[in-house]
Amino acid sequence: NIDVYPNPVSNTLNIKGTPVDAEVEVFSLNGKKHLSGVINANNYLDVSSLQSGLYLLKIKSKETTSFKKFIKN
C-alpha cells in the first residue's frame, strides 16, 4: 500500500511503501509530464519546482504501477 504525504505539499513529497527501485513520474491533469526519476533512498521527491495545482504521481516498479493524486501549494 503506497502513501504520499503531506498532501497538500509545498516542497518535499514523502512516498511510503514503494520498492527502492521504483520509478516515478509527475503529470499535470492535462497529461503533461513535469518530473521523472527514481525514488531515492530517503523515499521523497522534490516538487518545489512545480507550480501550484493538482498533479498525478505515477509510481512504477517491476511488479506494479500505482497512481496517486497530490496538491502542490
Protein backbone atom coordinates (compact mmCIF):
# COMPACT_ATOMS: atom_id res chain seq x y z
CA ASN A 1 0.00 0.00 0.00
CA ILE A 2 1.58 3.27 -1.16
CA ASP A 3 1.06 6.51 0.76
CA VAL A 4 2.12 10.05 -0.24
CA TYR A 5 2.25 12.89 2.28
CA PRO A 6 1.90 15.70 3.15
CA ASN A 7 -0.99 16.44 0.88
CA PRO A 8 -1.12 19.32 0.05
CA VAL A 9 2.66 19.61 -0.27
CA SER A 10 4.96 22.63 -0.52
CA ASN A 11 8.44 21.29 -1.35
CA THR A 12 9.07 17.65 -0.39
CA LEU A 13 6.60 14.84 -1.11
CA ASN A 14 7.23 11.75 1.02
CA ILE A 15 6.43 8.41 -0.61
CA LYS A 16 5.90 5.45 1.73
CA GLY A 17 5.51 1.79 0.76
CA THR A 18 7.42 1.69 -2.53
CA PRO A 19 10.32 -0.54 -3.59
CA VAL A 20 13.63 1.32 -3.60
CA ASP A 21 13.99 0.85 -7.39
CA ALA A 22 10.60 2.35 -8.22
CA GLU A 23 10.43 4.94 -10.97
CA VAL A 24 8.21 7.99 -10.59
CA GLU A 25 6.65 10.45 -12.99
CA VAL A 26 4.59 13.54 -12.18
CA PHE A 27 1.88 14.67 -14.59
CA SER A 28 -0.50 17.61 -14.59
CA LEU A 29 -4.12 16.70 -15.21
CA ASN A 30 -3.81 17.72 -18.88
CA GLY A 31 -1.25 14.90 -19.35
CA LYS A 32 1.95 16.97 -19.45
CA LYS A 33 4.92 15.28 -17.75
CA HIS A 34 6.69 17.62 -15.31
CA LEU A 35 9.11 15.38 -13.38
CA SER A 36 10.54 11.88 -13.68
CA GLY A 37 13.18 9.82 -11.97
CA VAL A 38 13.88 7.08 -9.46
CA ILE A 39 12.79 7.28 -5.83
CA ASN A 40 15.86 7.99 -3.72
CA ALA A 41 16.87 6.04 -0.62
CA ASN A 42 15.08 8.57 1.61
CA ASN A 43 11.76 7.94 -0.21
CA TYR A 44 10.99 11.52 -1.09
CA LEU A 45 10.50 13.60 -4.21
CA ASP A 46 11.44 17.28 -4.51
CA VAL A 47 8.39 19.03 -6.01
CA SER A 48 9.47 22.59 -5.20
CA SER A 49 9.82 23.43 -8.92
CA LEU A 50 6.16 22.65 -9.65
CA GLN A 51 3.54 25.38 -9.88
CA SER A 52 0.53 25.25 -7.57
CA GLY A 53 -2.15 22.81 -8.68
CA LEU A 54 -3.36 19.21 -8.77
CA TYR A 55 -0.93 16.55 -10.03
CA LEU A 56 -0.89 12.82 -10.69
CA LEU A 57 2.05 10.76 -9.43
CA LYS A 58 2.81 7.54 -11.34
CA ILE A 59 4.86 5.02 -9.35
CA LYS A 60 6.16 2.08 -11.37
CA SER A 61 8.11 -0.88 -10.02
CA LYS A 62 8.91 -4.24 -11.59
CA GLU A 63 5.74 -5.71 -10.08
CA THR A 64 3.14 -2.92 -10.14
CA THR A 65 2.15 0.52 -11.34
CA SER A 66 0.26 2.84 -8.99
CA PHE A 67 -1.19 6.31 -9.31
CA LYS A 68 -1.66 8.89 -6.55
CA LYS A 69 -3.07 12.42 -6.72
CA PHE A 70 -1.50 15.26 -4.78
CA ILE A 71 -1.92 19.01 -4.46
CA LYS A 72 1.07 21.35 -4.74
CA ASN A 73 0.70 24.59 -2.74
